[in-house]
Full PDB file with SEQRES, HELIX, SHEET, SSBOND, CRYST1, ORIGX, SCALE, CONECT and MASTER records, all heavy atoms in Angstrom:
SEQRES   1 A   38  LEU GLU ALA ALA GLU ASP ARG ALA ARG GLN ARG PHE ALA          
SEQRES   2 A   38  CYS ARG LEU ALA ARG LYS ALA HIS GLY MET GLY GLN ARG          
SEQRES   3 A   38  VAL HIS ILE HIS THR PRO ASP ALA GLU ALA THR ARG              
HELIX    1 AA1 ASP A    6  GLY A   22  1                                  17    
HELIX    2 AA2 ALA A   34  THR A   37  1                                   4    
CRYST1    1.000    1.000    1.000  90.00  90.00  90.00 P 1           1          
ORIGX1      1.000000  0.000000  0.000000        0.00000                         
ORIGX2      0.000000  1.000000  0.000000        0.00000                         
ORIGX3      0.000000  0.000000  1.000000        0.00000                         
SCALE1      1.000000  0.000000  0.000000        0.00000                         
SCALE2      0.000000  1.000000  0.000000        0.00000                         
SCALE3      0.000000  0.000000  1.000000        0.00000                         
ATOM      1  N   LEU A   1      -9.392   0.014  -8.370  1.00  0.00           N  
ATOM      2  CA  LEU A   1      -9.492   1.546  -8.137  1.00  0.00           C  
ATOM      3  C   LEU A   1      -9.906   2.324  -9.407  1.00  0.00           C  
ATOM      4  O   LEU A   1      -9.491   1.830 -10.557  1.00  0.00           O  
ATOM      5  CB  LEU A   1      -8.202   2.037  -7.622  1.00  0.00           C  
ATOM      6  CG  LEU A   1      -7.853   1.835  -6.197  1.00  0.00           C  
ATOM      7  CD1 LEU A   1      -7.470   0.378  -5.961  1.00  0.00           C  
ATOM      8  CD2 LEU A   1      -6.691   2.708  -5.710  1.00  0.00           C  
ATOM      9  N   GLU A   2     -10.877   3.160  -9.213  1.00  0.00           N  
ATOM     10  CA  GLU A   2     -11.283   3.965 -10.394  1.00  0.00           C  
ATOM     11  C   GLU A   2     -10.209   4.989 -10.845  1.00  0.00           C  
ATOM     12  O   GLU A   2     -10.026   5.302 -12.028  1.00  0.00           O  
ATOM     13  CB  GLU A   2     -12.607   4.720 -10.064  1.00  0.00           C  
ATOM     14  CG  GLU A   2     -13.770   3.769  -9.903  1.00  0.00           C  
ATOM     15  CD  GLU A   2     -15.093   4.453  -9.605  1.00  0.00           C  
ATOM     16  OE1 GLU A   2     -15.102   5.749  -9.405  1.00  0.00           O  
ATOM     17  OE2 GLU A   2     -16.088   3.791  -9.529  1.00  0.00           O  
ATOM     18  N   ALA A   3      -9.417   5.492  -9.797  1.00  0.00           N  
ATOM     19  CA  ALA A   3      -8.264   6.428 -10.155  1.00  0.00           C  
ATOM     20  C   ALA A   3      -7.109   5.696 -10.866  1.00  0.00           C  
ATOM     21  O   ALA A   3      -6.840   4.449 -10.614  1.00  0.00           O  
ATOM     22  CB  ALA A   3      -7.750   7.029  -8.914  1.00  0.00           C  
ATOM     23  N   ALA A   4      -6.635   6.351 -11.886  1.00  0.00           N  
ATOM     24  CA  ALA A   4      -5.593   5.684 -12.729  1.00  0.00           C  
ATOM     25  C   ALA A   4      -4.160   5.927 -12.161  1.00  0.00           C  
ATOM     26  O   ALA A   4      -3.313   5.056 -12.509  1.00  0.00           O  
ATOM     27  CB  ALA A   4      -5.671   6.241 -14.136  1.00  0.00           C  
ATOM     28  N   GLU A   5      -3.900   6.916 -11.415  1.00  0.00           N  
ATOM     29  CA  GLU A   5      -2.549   7.268 -11.005  1.00  0.00           C  
ATOM     30  C   GLU A   5      -2.045   6.303  -9.936  1.00  0.00           C  
ATOM     31  O   GLU A   5      -2.768   5.885  -9.141  1.00  0.00           O  
ATOM     32  CB  GLU A   5      -2.431   8.738 -10.634  1.00  0.00           C  
ATOM     33  CG  GLU A   5      -3.299   9.246  -9.547  1.00  0.00           C  
ATOM     34  CD  GLU A   5      -4.725   9.591 -10.085  1.00  0.00           C  
ATOM     35  OE1 GLU A   5      -4.876   9.775 -11.240  1.00  0.00           O  
ATOM     36  OE2 GLU A   5      -5.606   9.551  -9.184  1.00  0.00           O  
ATOM     37  N   ASP A   6      -0.699   6.114 -10.030  1.00  0.00           N  
ATOM     38  CA  ASP A   6      -0.045   5.153  -9.066  1.00  0.00           C  
ATOM     39  C   ASP A   6      -0.232   5.692  -7.581  1.00  0.00           C  
ATOM     40  O   ASP A   6      -0.260   4.948  -6.678  1.00  0.00           O  
ATOM     41  CB  ASP A   6       1.462   5.078  -9.343  1.00  0.00           C  
ATOM     42  CG  ASP A   6       1.659   4.041 -10.523  1.00  0.00           C  
ATOM     43  OD1 ASP A   6       0.783   3.212 -10.739  1.00  0.00           O  
ATOM     44  OD2 ASP A   6       2.829   4.072 -11.052  1.00  0.00           O  
ATOM     45  N   ARG A   7      -0.210   7.024  -7.469  1.00  0.00           N  
ATOM     46  CA  ARG A   7      -0.367   7.648  -6.094  1.00  0.00           C  
ATOM     47  C   ARG A   7      -1.571   7.128  -5.411  1.00  0.00           C  
ATOM     48  O   ARG A   7      -1.685   6.907  -4.225  1.00  0.00           O  
ATOM     49  CB  ARG A   7      -0.258   9.160  -6.203  1.00  0.00           C  
ATOM     50  CG  ARG A   7      -0.168   9.823  -4.926  1.00  0.00           C  
ATOM     51  CD  ARG A   7       1.171   9.561  -4.312  1.00  0.00           C  
ATOM     52  NE  ARG A   7       1.491  10.516  -3.232  1.00  0.00           N  
ATOM     53  CZ  ARG A   7       2.522  10.528  -2.629  1.00  0.00           C  
ATOM     54  NH1 ARG A   7       3.584   9.779  -2.903  1.00  0.00           N  
ATOM     55  NH2 ARG A   7       2.705  11.492  -1.637  1.00  0.00           N  
ATOM     56  N   ALA A   8      -2.660   7.008  -6.160  1.00  0.00           N  
ATOM     57  CA  ALA A   8      -3.886   6.490  -5.608  1.00  0.00           C  
ATOM     58  C   ALA A   8      -3.788   4.975  -5.137  1.00  0.00           C  
ATOM     59  O   ALA A   8      -4.287   4.718  -3.935  1.00  0.00           O  
ATOM     60  CB  ALA A   8      -5.105   6.562  -6.657  1.00  0.00           C  
ATOM     61  N   ARG A   9      -3.138   4.242  -5.851  1.00  0.00           N  
ATOM     62  CA  ARG A   9      -2.866   2.793  -5.424  1.00  0.00           C  
ATOM     63  C   ARG A   9      -1.984   2.853  -4.192  1.00  0.00           C  
ATOM     64  O   ARG A   9      -2.282   2.059  -3.263  1.00  0.00           O  
ATOM     65  CB  ARG A   9      -2.208   2.005  -6.491  1.00  0.00           C  
ATOM     66  CG  ARG A   9      -3.185   1.777  -7.801  1.00  0.00           C  
ATOM     67  CD  ARG A   9      -2.475   1.182  -8.878  1.00  0.00           C  
ATOM     68  NE  ARG A   9      -1.934  -0.214  -8.569  1.00  0.00           N  
ATOM     69  CZ  ARG A   9      -0.782  -0.593  -8.765  1.00  0.00           C  
ATOM     70  NH1 ARG A   9       0.142   0.138  -9.305  1.00  0.00           N  
ATOM     71  NH2 ARG A   9      -0.369  -1.817  -8.436  1.00  0.00           N  
ATOM     72  N   GLN A  10      -1.004   3.711  -4.173  1.00  0.00           N  
ATOM     73  CA  GLN A  10      -0.084   3.754  -2.999  1.00  0.00           C  
ATOM     74  C   GLN A  10      -0.795   4.144  -1.707  1.00  0.00           C  
ATOM     75  O   GLN A  10      -0.624   3.657  -0.664  1.00  0.00           O  
ATOM     76  CB  GLN A  10       1.108   4.659  -3.322  1.00  0.00           C  
ATOM     77  CG  GLN A  10       2.063   4.141  -4.380  1.00  0.00           C  
ATOM     78  CD  GLN A  10       3.036   5.289  -4.865  1.00  0.00           C  
ATOM     79  OE1 GLN A  10       2.793   6.442  -4.669  1.00  0.00           O  
ATOM     80  NE2 GLN A  10       4.158   4.758  -5.393  1.00  0.00           N  
ATOM     81  N   ARG A  11      -1.669   5.184  -1.881  1.00  0.00           N  
ATOM     82  CA  ARG A  11      -2.346   5.679  -0.677  1.00  0.00           C  
ATOM     83  C   ARG A  11      -3.457   4.639  -0.185  1.00  0.00           C  
ATOM     84  O   ARG A  11      -3.570   4.500   0.946  1.00  0.00           O  
ATOM     85  CB  ARG A  11      -3.160   6.962  -1.043  1.00  0.00           C  
ATOM     86  CG  ARG A  11      -2.102   8.205  -1.193  1.00  0.00           C  
ATOM     87  CD  ARG A  11      -2.789   9.474  -1.380  1.00  0.00           C  
ATOM     88  NE  ARG A  11      -3.557   9.871  -0.111  1.00  0.00           N  
ATOM     89  CZ  ARG A  11      -2.891  10.273   1.002  1.00  0.00           C  
ATOM     90  NH1 ARG A  11      -1.641  10.315   1.131  1.00  0.00           N  
ATOM     91  NH2 ARG A  11      -3.639  10.687   2.049  1.00  0.00           N  
ATOM     92  N   PHE A  12      -3.988   3.915  -1.163  1.00  0.00           N  
ATOM     93  CA  PHE A  12      -4.858   2.855  -0.732  1.00  0.00           C  
ATOM     94  C   PHE A  12      -4.079   1.720  -0.071  1.00  0.00           C  
ATOM     95  O   PHE A  12      -4.599   1.117   0.941  1.00  0.00           O  
ATOM     96  CB  PHE A  12      -5.691   2.327  -1.926  1.00  0.00           C  
ATOM     97  CG  PHE A  12      -6.847   1.398  -1.568  1.00  0.00           C  
ATOM     98  CD1 PHE A  12      -7.936   1.893  -0.939  1.00  0.00           C  
ATOM     99  CD2 PHE A  12      -6.726   0.060  -1.743  1.00  0.00           C  
ATOM    100  CE1 PHE A  12      -8.980   1.062  -0.519  1.00  0.00           C  
ATOM    101  CE2 PHE A  12      -7.724  -0.753  -1.371  1.00  0.00           C  
ATOM    102  CZ  PHE A  12      -8.919  -0.329  -0.748  1.00  0.00           C  
ATOM    103  N   ALA A  13      -2.959   1.412  -0.513  1.00  0.00           N  
ATOM    104  CA  ALA A  13      -2.117   0.456   0.148  1.00  0.00           C  
ATOM    105  C   ALA A  13      -1.819   0.882   1.588  1.00  0.00           C  
ATOM    106  O   ALA A  13      -1.831   0.049   2.547  1.00  0.00           O  
ATOM    107  CB  ALA A  13      -0.718   0.267  -0.663  1.00  0.00           C  
ATOM    108  N   CYS A  14      -1.567   2.116   1.807  1.00  0.00           N  
ATOM    109  CA  CYS A  14      -1.308   2.585   3.174  1.00  0.00           C  
ATOM    110  C   CYS A  14      -2.566   2.403   3.983  1.00  0.00           C  
ATOM    111  O   CYS A  14      -2.448   1.964   5.153  1.00  0.00           O  
ATOM    112  CB  CYS A  14      -0.946   4.098   3.136  1.00  0.00           C  
ATOM    113  SG  CYS A  14       0.617   4.496   2.546  1.00  0.00           S  
ATOM    114  N   ARG A  15      -3.791   2.690   3.498  1.00  0.00           N  
ATOM    115  CA  ARG A  15      -5.039   2.490   4.220  1.00  0.00           C  
ATOM    116  C   ARG A  15      -5.170   0.932   4.587  1.00  0.00           C  
ATOM    117  O   ARG A  15      -5.554   0.666   5.716  1.00  0.00           O  
ATOM    118  CB  ARG A  15      -6.218   2.936   3.395  1.00  0.00           C  
ATOM    119  CG  ARG A  15      -6.226   4.426   3.255  1.00  0.00           C  
ATOM    120  CD  ARG A  15      -7.360   5.007   2.438  1.00  0.00           C  
ATOM    121  NE  ARG A  15      -8.621   4.341   2.483  1.00  0.00           N  
ATOM    122  CZ  ARG A  15      -9.540   4.344   1.531  1.00  0.00           C  
ATOM    123  NH1 ARG A  15      -9.301   4.998   0.384  1.00  0.00           N  
ATOM    124  NH2 ARG A  15     -10.688   3.712   1.686  1.00  0.00           N  
ATOM    125  N   LEU A  16      -4.999   0.083   3.711  1.00  0.00           N  
ATOM    126  CA  LEU A  16      -5.028  -1.323   3.954  1.00  0.00           C  
ATOM    127  C   LEU A  16      -3.972  -1.822   4.985  1.00  0.00           C  
ATOM    128  O   LEU A  16      -4.378  -2.532   5.931  1.00  0.00           O  
ATOM    129  CB  LEU A  16      -4.845  -2.156   2.687  1.00  0.00           C  
ATOM    130  CG  LEU A  16      -6.032  -2.136   1.637  1.00  0.00           C  
ATOM    131  CD1 LEU A  16      -5.551  -2.898   0.406  1.00  0.00           C  
ATOM    132  CD2 LEU A  16      -7.226  -2.727   2.256  1.00  0.00           C  
ATOM    133  N   ALA A  17      -2.777  -1.305   4.840  1.00  0.00           N  
ATOM    134  CA  ALA A  17      -1.750  -1.572   5.802  1.00  0.00           C  
ATOM    135  C   ALA A  17      -2.138  -1.131   7.174  1.00  0.00           C  
ATOM    136  O   ALA A  17      -1.923  -1.894   8.209  1.00  0.00           O  
ATOM    137  CB  ALA A  17      -0.379  -0.978   5.520  1.00  0.00           C  
ATOM    138  N   ARG A  18      -2.730   0.079   7.289  1.00  0.00           N  
ATOM    139  CA  ARG A  18      -3.066   0.621   8.648  1.00  0.00           C  
ATOM    140  C   ARG A  18      -4.182  -0.287   9.185  1.00  0.00           C  
ATOM    141  O   ARG A  18      -4.214  -0.586  10.388  1.00  0.00           O  
ATOM    142  CB  ARG A  18      -3.659   2.091   8.457  1.00  0.00           C  
ATOM    143  CG  ARG A  18      -4.127   2.654   9.716  1.00  0.00           C  
ATOM    144  CD  ARG A  18      -4.771   4.048   9.571  1.00  0.00           C  
ATOM    145  NE  ARG A  18      -5.933   3.849   8.639  1.00  0.00           N  
ATOM    146  CZ  ARG A  18      -6.384   4.905   7.841  1.00  0.00           C  
ATOM    147  NH1 ARG A  18      -5.777   6.085   7.903  1.00  0.00           N  
ATOM    148  NH2 ARG A  18      -7.335   4.596   7.075  1.00  0.00           N  
ATOM    149  N   LYS A  19      -5.190  -0.602   8.360  1.00  0.00           N  
ATOM    150  CA  LYS A  19      -6.304  -1.493   8.938  1.00  0.00           C  
ATOM    151  C   LYS A  19      -5.735  -2.804   9.431  1.00  0.00           C  
ATOM    152  O   LYS A  19      -6.002  -3.279  10.544  1.00  0.00           O  
ATOM    153  CB  LYS A  19      -7.247  -1.673   7.816  1.00  0.00           C  
ATOM    154  CG  LYS A  19      -8.466  -2.500   8.285  1.00  0.00           C  
ATOM    155  CD  LYS A  19      -9.548  -2.588   7.207  1.00  0.00           C  
ATOM    156  CE  LYS A  19     -10.722  -3.403   7.671  1.00  0.00           C  
ATOM    157  NZ  LYS A  19     -11.792  -3.578   6.742  1.00  0.00           N  
ATOM    158  N   ALA A  20      -4.960  -3.471   8.566  1.00  0.00           N  
ATOM    159  CA  ALA A  20      -4.339  -4.851   8.988  1.00  0.00           C  
ATOM    160  C   ALA A  20      -3.526  -4.712  10.180  1.00  0.00           C  
ATOM    161  O   ALA A  20      -3.557  -5.473  11.196  1.00  0.00           O  
ATOM    162  CB  ALA A  20      -3.547  -5.403   7.838  1.00  0.00           C  
ATOM    163  N   HIS A  21      -2.652  -3.674  10.280  1.00  0.00           N  
ATOM    164  CA  HIS A  21      -1.690  -3.502  11.447  1.00  0.00           C  
ATOM    165  C   HIS A  21      -2.664  -3.233  12.625  1.00  0.00           C  
ATOM    166  O   HIS A  21      -2.369  -3.743  13.737  1.00  0.00           O  
ATOM    167  CB  HIS A  21      -0.839  -2.286  11.174  1.00  0.00           C  
ATOM    168  CG  HIS A  21      -0.034  -1.839  12.358  1.00  0.00           C  
ATOM    169  ND1 HIS A  21       0.878  -2.665  12.914  1.00  0.00           N  
ATOM    170  CD2 HIS A  21      -0.062  -0.693  13.057  1.00  0.00           C  
ATOM    171  CE1 HIS A  21       1.392  -2.013  13.938  1.00  0.00           C  
ATOM    172  NE2 HIS A  21       0.813  -0.809  14.009  1.00  0.00           N  
ATOM    173  N   GLY A  22      -3.749  -2.415  12.487  1.00  0.00           N  
ATOM    174  CA  GLY A  22      -4.589  -2.209  13.662  1.00  0.00           C  
ATOM    175  C   GLY A  22      -5.310  -3.512  14.126  1.00  0.00           C  
ATOM    176  O   GLY A  22      -5.687  -3.543  15.336  1.00  0.00           O  
ATOM    177  N   MET A  23      -5.338  -4.470  13.260  1.00  0.00           N  
ATOM    178  CA  MET A  23      -5.922  -5.696  13.638  1.00  0.00           C  
ATOM    179  C   MET A  23      -4.857  -6.715  14.218  1.00  0.00           C  
ATOM    180  O   MET A  23      -5.171  -7.904  14.401  1.00  0.00           O  
ATOM    181  CB  MET A  23      -6.761  -6.359  12.447  1.00  0.00           C  
ATOM    182  CG  MET A  23      -7.863  -5.476  12.062  1.00  0.00           C  
ATOM    183  SD  MET A  23      -8.611  -6.023  10.508  1.00  0.00           S  
ATOM    184  CE  MET A  23      -9.151  -7.771  10.865  1.00  0.00           C  
ATOM    185  N   GLY A  24      -3.563  -6.220  14.423  1.00  0.00           N  
ATOM    186  CA  GLY A  24      -2.602  -7.022  14.876  1.00  0.00           C  
ATOM    187  C   GLY A  24      -1.856  -7.918  13.785  1.00  0.00           C  
ATOM    188  O   GLY A  24      -1.260  -8.950  14.260  1.00  0.00           O  
ATOM    189  N   GLN A  25      -2.144  -7.774  12.520  1.00  0.00           N  
ATOM    190  CA  GLN A  25      -1.600  -8.570  11.512  1.00  0.00           C  
ATOM    191  C   GLN A  25      -0.192  -8.000  10.946  1.00  0.00           C  
ATOM    192  O   GLN A  25      -0.093  -6.795  10.906  1.00  0.00           O  
ATOM    193  CB  GLN A  25      -2.541  -8.667  10.396  1.00  0.00           C  
ATOM    194  CG  GLN A  25      -3.847  -9.403  10.786  1.00  0.00           C  
ATOM    195  CD  GLN A  25      -4.879  -9.359   9.668  1.00  0.00           C  
ATOM    196  OE1 GLN A  25      -4.988  -8.531   8.785  1.00  0.00           O  
ATOM    197  NE2 GLN A  25      -5.676 -10.455   9.735  1.00  0.00           N  
ATOM    198  N   ARG A  26       0.649  -8.828  10.631  1.00  0.00           N  
ATOM    199  CA  ARG A  26       1.887  -8.413   9.966  1.00  0.00           C  
ATOM    200  C   ARG A  26       1.640  -8.279   8.576  1.00  0.00           C  
ATOM    201  O   ARG A  26       0.971  -9.090   7.895  1.00  0.00           O  
ATOM    202  CB  ARG A  26       3.009  -9.363  10.194  1.00  0.00           C  
ATOM    203  CG  ARG A  26       3.373  -9.270  11.695  1.00  0.00           C  
ATOM    204  CD  ARG A  26       4.767  -9.886  12.002  1.00  0.00           C  
ATOM    205  NE  ARG A  26       5.785  -9.200  11.183  1.00  0.00           N  
ATOM    206  CZ  ARG A  26       6.888  -9.866  10.743  1.00  0.00           C  
ATOM    207  NH1 ARG A  26       7.129 -11.070  11.115  1.00  0.00           N  
ATOM    208  NH2 ARG A  26       7.795  -9.191  10.092  1.00  0.00           N  
ATOM    209  N   VAL A  27       2.216  -7.296   7.952  1.00  0.00           N  
ATOM    210  CA  VAL A  27       1.914  -6.893   6.509  1.00  0.00           C  
ATOM    211  C   VAL A  27       3.182  -6.830   5.692  1.00  0.00           C  
ATOM    212  O   VAL A  27       4.241  -6.333   6.214  1.00  0.00           O  
ATOM    213  CB  VAL A  27       1.106  -5.565   6.402  1.00  0.00           C  
ATOM    214  CG1 VAL A  27       0.915  -5.155   5.000  1.00  0.00           C  
ATOM    215  CG2 VAL A  27      -0.082  -5.561   7.214  1.00  0.00           C  
ATOM    216  N   HIS A  28       3.199  -7.244   4.429  1.00  0.00           N  
ATOM    217  CA  HIS A  28       4.336  -7.005   3.503  1.00  0.00           C  
ATOM    218  C   HIS A  28       3.717  -6.383   2.229  1.00  0.00           C  
ATOM    219  O   HIS A  28       2.690  -6.892   1.718  1.00  0.00           O  
ATOM    220  CB  HIS A  28       4.988  -8.386   3.129  1.00  0.00           C  
ATOM    221  CG  HIS A  28       6.075  -8.193   2.090  1.00  0.00           C  
ATOM    222  ND1 HIS A  28       7.293  -7.512   2.471  1.00  0.00           N  
ATOM    223  CD2 HIS A  28       6.162  -8.400   0.842  1.00  0.00           C  
ATOM    224  CE1 HIS A  28       8.065  -7.481   1.435  1.00  0.00           C  
ATOM    225  NE2 HIS A  28       7.432  -7.945   0.465  1.00  0.00           N  
ATOM    226  N   ILE A  29       4.332  -5.334   1.772  1.00  0.00           N  
ATOM    227  CA  ILE A  29       3.910  -4.551   0.665  1.00  0.00           C  
ATOM    228  C   ILE A  29       4.927  -4.970  -0.499  1.00  0.00           C  
ATOM    229  O   ILE A  29       6.120  -4.611  -0.295  1.00  0.00           O  
ATOM    230  CB  ILE A  29       3.831  -3.066   0.893  1.00  0.00           C  
ATOM    231  CG1 ILE A  29       2.745  -2.703   2.036  1.00  0.00           C  
ATOM    232  CG2 ILE A  29       3.429  -2.395  -0.418  1.00  0.00           C  
ATOM    233  CD1 ILE A  29       2.781  -1.297   2.433  1.00  0.00           C  
ATOM    234  N   HIS A  30       4.458  -5.592  -1.512  1.00  0.00           N  
ATOM    235  CA  HIS A  30       5.308  -5.918  -2.660  1.00  0.00           C  
ATOM    236  C   HIS A  30       5.213  -4.796  -3.757  1.00  0.00           C  
ATOM    237  O   HIS A  30       4.175  -4.539  -4.211  1.00  0.00           O  
ATOM    238  CB  HIS A  30       4.855  -7.233  -3.208  1.00  0.00           C  
ATOM    239  CG  HIS A  30       5.631  -7.684  -4.376  1.00  0.00           C  
ATOM    240  ND1 HIS A  30       7.037  -8.053  -4.279  1.00  0.00           N  
ATOM    241  CD2 HIS A  30       5.339  -7.790  -5.679  1.00  0.00           C  
ATOM    242  CE1 HIS A  30       7.467  -8.457  -5.436  1.00  0.00           C  
ATOM    243  NE2 HIS A  30       6.437  -8.268  -6.334  1.00  0.00           N  
ATOM    244  N   THR A  31       6.408  -4.193  -3.912  1.00  0.00           N  
ATOM    245  CA  THR A  31       6.447  -3.030  -4.835  1.00  0.00           C  
ATOM    246  C   THR A  31       6.981  -3.455  -6.213  1.00  0.00           C  
ATOM    247  O   THR A  31       7.667  -4.459  -6.284  1.00  0.00           O  
ATOM    248  CB  THR A  31       7.237  -1.849  -4.254  1.00  0.00           C  
ATOM    249  OG1 THR A  31       8.521  -2.278  -4.058  1.00  0.00           O  
ATOM    250  CG2 THR A  31       6.584  -1.375  -2.973  1.00  0.00           C  
ATOM    251  N   PRO A  32       6.772  -2.649  -7.297  1.00  0.00           N  
ATOM    252  CA  PRO A  32       7.287  -3.078  -8.581  1.00  0.00           C  
ATOM    253  C   PRO A  32       8.751  -2.814  -8.747  1.00  0.00           C  
ATOM    254  O   PRO A  32       9.333  -3.525  -9.589  1.00  0.00           O  
ATOM    255  CB  PRO A  32       6.494  -2.159  -9.527  1.00  0.00           C  
ATOM    256  CG  PRO A  32       5.919  -1.077  -8.812  1.00  0.00           C  
ATOM    257  CD  PRO A  32       5.863  -1.534  -7.333  1.00  0.00           C  
ATOM    258  N   ASP A  33       9.346  -1.933  -8.020  1.00  0.00           N  
ATOM    259  CA  ASP A  33      10.775  -1.552  -8.274  1.00  0.00           C  
ATOM    260  C   ASP A  33      11.351  -0.796  -7.003  1.00  0.00           C  
ATOM    261  O   ASP A  33      10.572  -0.420  -6.113  1.00  0.00           O  
ATOM    262  CB  ASP A  33      11.056  -0.869  -9.507  1.00  0.00           C  
ATOM    263  CG  ASP A  33      10.202   0.421  -9.676  1.00  0.00           C  
ATOM    264  OD1 ASP A  33      10.120   1.227  -8.648  1.00  0.00           O  
ATOM    265  OD2 ASP A  33       9.702   0.648 -10.699  1.00  0.00           O  
ATOM    266  N   ALA A  34      12.658  -0.661  -6.995  1.00  0.00           N  
ATOM    267  CA  ALA A  34      13.335   0.037  -5.907  1.00  0.00           C  
ATOM    268  C   ALA A  34      12.817   1.468  -5.703  1.00  0.00           C  
ATOM    269  O   ALA A  34      12.725   1.903  -4.572  1.00  0.00           O  
ATOM    270  CB  ALA A  34      14.833   0.039  -6.088  1.00  0.00           C  
ATOM    271  N   GLU A  35      12.591   2.180  -6.712  1.00  0.00           N  
ATOM    272  CA  GLU A  35      12.060   3.583  -6.627  1.00  0.00           C  
ATOM    273  C   GLU A  35      10.682   3.462  -5.891  1.00  0.00           C  
ATOM    274  O   GLU A  35      10.359   4.385  -5.101  1.00  0.00           O  
ATOM    275  CB  GLU A  35      11.984   4.295  -8.031  1.00  0.00           C  
ATOM    276  CG  GLU A  35      11.360   5.655  -7.863  1.00  0.00           C  
ATOM    277  CD  GLU A  35      12.121   6.554  -6.931  1.00  0.00           C  
ATOM    278  OE1 GLU A  35      13.353   6.460  -6.904  1.00  0.00           O  
ATOM    279  OE2 GLU A  35      11.521   7.473  -6.295  1.00  0.00           O  
ATOM    280  N   ALA A  36       9.765   2.628  -6.252  1.00  0.00           N  
ATOM    281  CA  ALA A  36       8.491   2.451  -5.725  1.00  0.00           C  
ATOM    282  C   ALA A  36       8.610   2.139  -4.238  1.00  0.00           C  
ATOM    283  O   ALA A  36       7.767   2.591  -3.349  1.00  0.00           O  
ATOM    284  CB  ALA A  36       7.659   1.474  -6.473  1.00  0.00           C  
ATOM    285  N   THR A  37       9.583   1.281  -3.868  1.00  0.00           N  
ATOM    286  CA  THR A  37       9.799   0.940  -2.440  1.00  0.00           C  
ATOM    287  C   THR A  37      10.131   2.182  -1.748  1.00  0.00           C  
ATOM    288  O   THR A  37       9.637   2.426  -0.587  1.00  0.00           O  
ATOM    289  CB  THR A  37      10.970  -0.134  -2.334  1.00  0.00           C  
ATOM    290  OG1 THR A  37      10.481  -1.232  -3.036  1.00  0.00           O  
ATOM    291  CG2 THR A  37      11.218  -0.381  -0.914  1.00  0.00           C  
ATOM    292  N   ARG A  38      11.105   3.062  -2.302  1.00  0.00           N  
ATOM    293  CA  ARG A  38      11.437   4.252  -1.585  1.00  0.00           C  
ATOM    294  C   ARG A  38      10.227   5.188  -1.431  1.00  0.00           C  
ATOM    295  O   ARG A  38      10.085   5.906  -0.419  1.00  0.00           O  
ATOM    296  CB  ARG A  38      12.640   4.961  -2.356  1.00  0.00           C  
ATOM    297  CG  ARG A  38      13.967   4.295  -2.151  1.00  0.00           C  
ATOM    298  CD  ARG A  38      15.133   5.138  -2.702  1.00  0.00           C  
ATOM    299  NE  ARG A  38      14.988   5.179  -4.229  1.00  0.00           N  
ATOM    300  CZ  ARG A  38      15.509   4.211  -5.044  1.00  0.00           C  
ATOM    301  NH1 ARG A  38      16.159   3.133  -4.526  1.00  0.00           N  
ATOM    302  NH2 ARG A  38      15.439   4.389  -6.318  1.00  0.00           N  
TER     303      ARG A  38                                                      
MASTER        0    0    0    2    0    0    0    6  302    1    0    3          
END                                                                             
């Protein structure tokens, strides 16, 4: 990602999860810590 902030990575993760889910795939998002999970 060209954007440096974590929020851009999180939003892109949502887009990827949406795409995979739409294709019927199960997804796991591995976060760096409990706060990032929340």
